[in-house]
C-alpha atoms as a PDB file:
ATOM      1  CA  MET A   1      52.598  95.366  94.872  1.00  0.00           C
ATOM      2  CA  MET A   2      50.732  99.101  94.883  1.00  0.00           C
ATOM      3  CA  VAL A   3      52.104 102.600  93.720  1.00  0.00           C
ATOM      4  CA  VAL A   4      50.780 105.614  96.028  1.00  0.00           C
ATOM      5  CA  GLU A   5      51.843 108.849  95.058  1.00  0.00           C
ATOM      6  CA  GLY A   6      55.057 107.548  93.364  1.00  0.00           C
ATOM      7  CA  HIS A   7      56.001 105.198  96.446  1.00  0.00           C
ATOM      8  CA  THR A   8      55.722 101.328  95.919  1.00  0.00           C
ATOM      9  CA  ILE A   9      54.118 100.115  98.770  1.00  0.00           C
ATOM     10  CA  ASP A  10      54.777  95.974  98.977  1.00  0.00           C
ATOM     11  CA  SER A  11      52.586  93.590 100.394  1.00  0.00           C
ATOM     12  CA  GLU A  12      54.366  93.115 103.671  1.00  0.00           C
ATOM     13  CA  THR A  13      53.725  96.397 104.576  1.00  0.00           C
ATOM     14  CA  VAL A  14      49.654  95.843 103.281  1.00  0.00           C
ATOM     15  CA  ALA A  15      49.709  92.940 105.327  1.00  0.00           C
ATOM     16  CA  ARG A  16      51.339  94.752 108.426  1.00  0.00           C
ATOM     17  CA  PHE A  17      48.647  97.674 107.867  1.00  0.00           C
ATOM     18  CA  ALA A  18      45.555  94.588 108.112  1.00  0.00           C
ATOM     19  CA  GLU A  19      47.176  93.224 111.071  1.00  0.00           C
ATOM     20  CA  LEU A  20      47.000  96.755 112.520  1.00  0.00           C
ATOM     21  CA  MET A  21      43.753  96.881 111.216  1.00  0.00           C
ATOM     22  CA  ARG A  22      42.293  93.778 112.806  1.00  0.00           C
ATOM     23  CA  ALA A  23      44.348  94.234 116.124  1.00  0.00           C
ATOM     24  CA  TYR A  24      42.793  97.732 116.437  1.00  0.00           C
ATOM     25  CA  PRO A  25      40.265  97.129 119.456  1.00  0.00           C
ATOM     26  CA  PRO A  26      37.478  99.403 118.625  1.00  0.00           C
ATOM     27  CA  ASN A  27      34.968  98.443 116.030  1.00  0.00           C
ATOM     28  CA  THR A  28      34.569 101.732 114.892  1.00  0.00           C
ATOM     29  CA  PHE A  29      37.578 104.080 113.695  1.00  0.00           C
ATOM     30  CA  THR A  30      38.218 107.503 112.104  1.00  0.00           C
ATOM     31  CA  TYR A  31      40.408 108.475 109.208  1.00  0.00           C
ATOM     32  CA  PRO A  32      43.136 110.099 111.184  1.00  0.00           C
ATOM     33  CA  GLU A  33      43.468 106.978 113.122  1.00  0.00           C
ATOM     34  CA  VAL A  34      43.668 104.702 109.896  1.00  0.00           C
ATOM     35  CA  VAL A  35      46.351 107.314 108.694  1.00  0.00           C
ATOM     36  CA  ARG A  36      48.370 106.571 111.658  1.00  0.00           C
ATOM     37  CA  LEU A  37      48.185 102.849 111.106  1.00  0.00           C
ATOM     38  CA  ALA A  38      49.456 103.200 107.487  1.00  0.00           C
ATOM     39  CA  LEU A  39      51.918 104.994 108.971  1.00  0.00           C
ATOM     40  CA  SER A  40      52.888 102.080 112.146  1.00  0.00           C
ATOM     41  CA  ALA A  41      52.744  99.562 109.126  1.00  0.00           C
ATOM     42  CA  GLY A  42      55.160 101.525 107.304  1.00  0.00           C
ATOM     43  CA  VAL A  43      53.822 103.587 104.751  1.00  0.00           C
ATOM     44  CA  PRO A  44      55.653 106.505 104.128  1.00  0.00           C
ATOM     45  CA  HIS A  45      54.564 109.529 104.990  1.00  0.00           C
ATOM     46  CA  GLU A  46      53.766 111.234 101.688  1.00  0.00           C
ATOM     47  CA  ALA A  47      51.767 108.382 100.531  1.00  0.00           C
ATOM     48  CA  ALA A  48      50.119 107.726 103.826  1.00  0.00           C
ATOM     49  CA  HIS A  49      47.104 109.751 103.428  1.00  0.00           C
ATOM     50  CA  ARG A  50      46.344 108.476  99.736  1.00  0.00           C
ATOM     51  CA  PHE A  51      47.169 104.713 100.854  1.00  0.00           C
ATOM     52  CA  ALA A  52      44.582 105.003 103.855  1.00  0.00           C
ATOM     53  CA  ASP A  53      41.909 106.294 101.361  1.00  0.00           C
ATOM     54  CA  ARG A  54      42.303 103.680  98.931  1.00  0.00           C
ATOM     55  CA  MET A  55      42.172 100.944 101.493  1.00  0.00           C
ATOM     56  CA  LEU A  56      39.179 102.461 103.228  1.00  0.00           C
ATOM     57  CA  GLN A  57      37.562 102.495  99.525  1.00  0.00           C
ATOM     58  CA  ARG A  58      38.212  99.295  98.768  1.00  0.00           C
ATOM     59  CA  MET A  59      37.518  97.662 102.432  1.00  0.00           C
ATOM     60  CA  LYS A  60      33.959  99.403 102.092  1.00  0.00           C
ATOM     61  CA  ARG A  61      33.143  98.322  98.195  1.00  0.00           C
ATOM     62  CA  ASN A  62      34.099  94.752  99.452  1.00  0.00           C
ATOM     63  CA  GLY A  63      31.487  95.077 102.515  1.00  0.00           C
ATOM     64  CA  PHE A  64      34.140  95.071 105.348  1.00  0.00           C
ATOM     65  CA  ILE A  65      33.741  98.220 107.034  1.00  0.00           C
ATOM     66  CA  SER A  66      30.720 101.073 106.642  1.00  0.00           C
ATOM     67  CA  CYS A  67      30.252 104.786 107.085  1.00  0.00           C
ATOM     68  CA  ALA A  68      26.951 106.631 107.773  1.00  0.00           C
ATOM     69  CA  ARG A  69      26.534 109.260 104.843  1.00  0.00           C
ATOM     70  CA  SER A  70      27.037 112.429 107.742  1.00  0.00           C
ATOM     71  CA  SER A  71      29.553 111.109 110.109  1.00  0.00           C
ATOM     72  CA  LYS A  72      33.383 110.606 109.681  1.00  0.00           C
ATOM     73  CA  VAL A  73      33.222 107.494 111.865  1.00  0.00           C
ATOM     74  CA  TRP A  74      33.769 104.054 109.795  1.00  0.00           C
ATOM     75  CA  ARG A  75      32.499 101.139 111.747  1.00  0.00           C
ATOM     76  CA  ARG A  76      34.283  97.471 111.119  1.00  0.00           C
ATOM     77  CA  VAL A  77      31.204  95.273 109.812  1.00  0.00           C
ATOM     78  CA  ALA A  78      33.317  91.703 108.710  1.00  0.00           C
ATOM     79  CA  THR A  79      37.041  91.049 109.311  1.00  0.00           C
ATOM     80  CA  ILE A  80      39.210  90.862 106.129  1.00  0.00           C
ATOM     81  CA  PRO A  81      40.250  87.817 105.350  1.00  0.00           C
ATOM     82  CA  ASN A  82      43.692  86.975 104.089  1.00  0.00           C
ATOM     83  CA  GLU A  83      42.774  85.683 100.805  1.00  0.00           C
ATOM     84  CA  TRP A  84      41.675  89.364 100.159  1.00  0.00           C
ATOM     85  CA  LEU A  85      44.648  91.261 101.122  1.00  0.00           C
ATOM     86  CA  GLN A  86      47.124  89.019  98.662  1.00  0.00           C
ATOM     87  CA  VAL A  87      45.008  89.898  95.720  1.00  0.00           C
ATOM     88  CA  GLN A  88      44.874  93.690  96.641  1.00  0.00           C
ATOM     89  CA  ALA A  89      48.699  94.161  97.228  1.00  0.00           C
END
């Protein structure tokens, strides 16, 4: 479980978000697209932006995505393993 902006996000919601990220067709995506995926996964609207920000930071730190400094487009460089999700939720 994780708490974002006072809302509790359960591990099932995080897993649903990861499945949506994996199924997202292009290998590049923007921040607003990630927020929409978070909302689709069941993250409350008030917490969706912060949740997306935290997940992008964690995925970048662990080498699953990258972003050029001057760009606002994220690029998927590796598949997010299920084991990593269990630890993050």
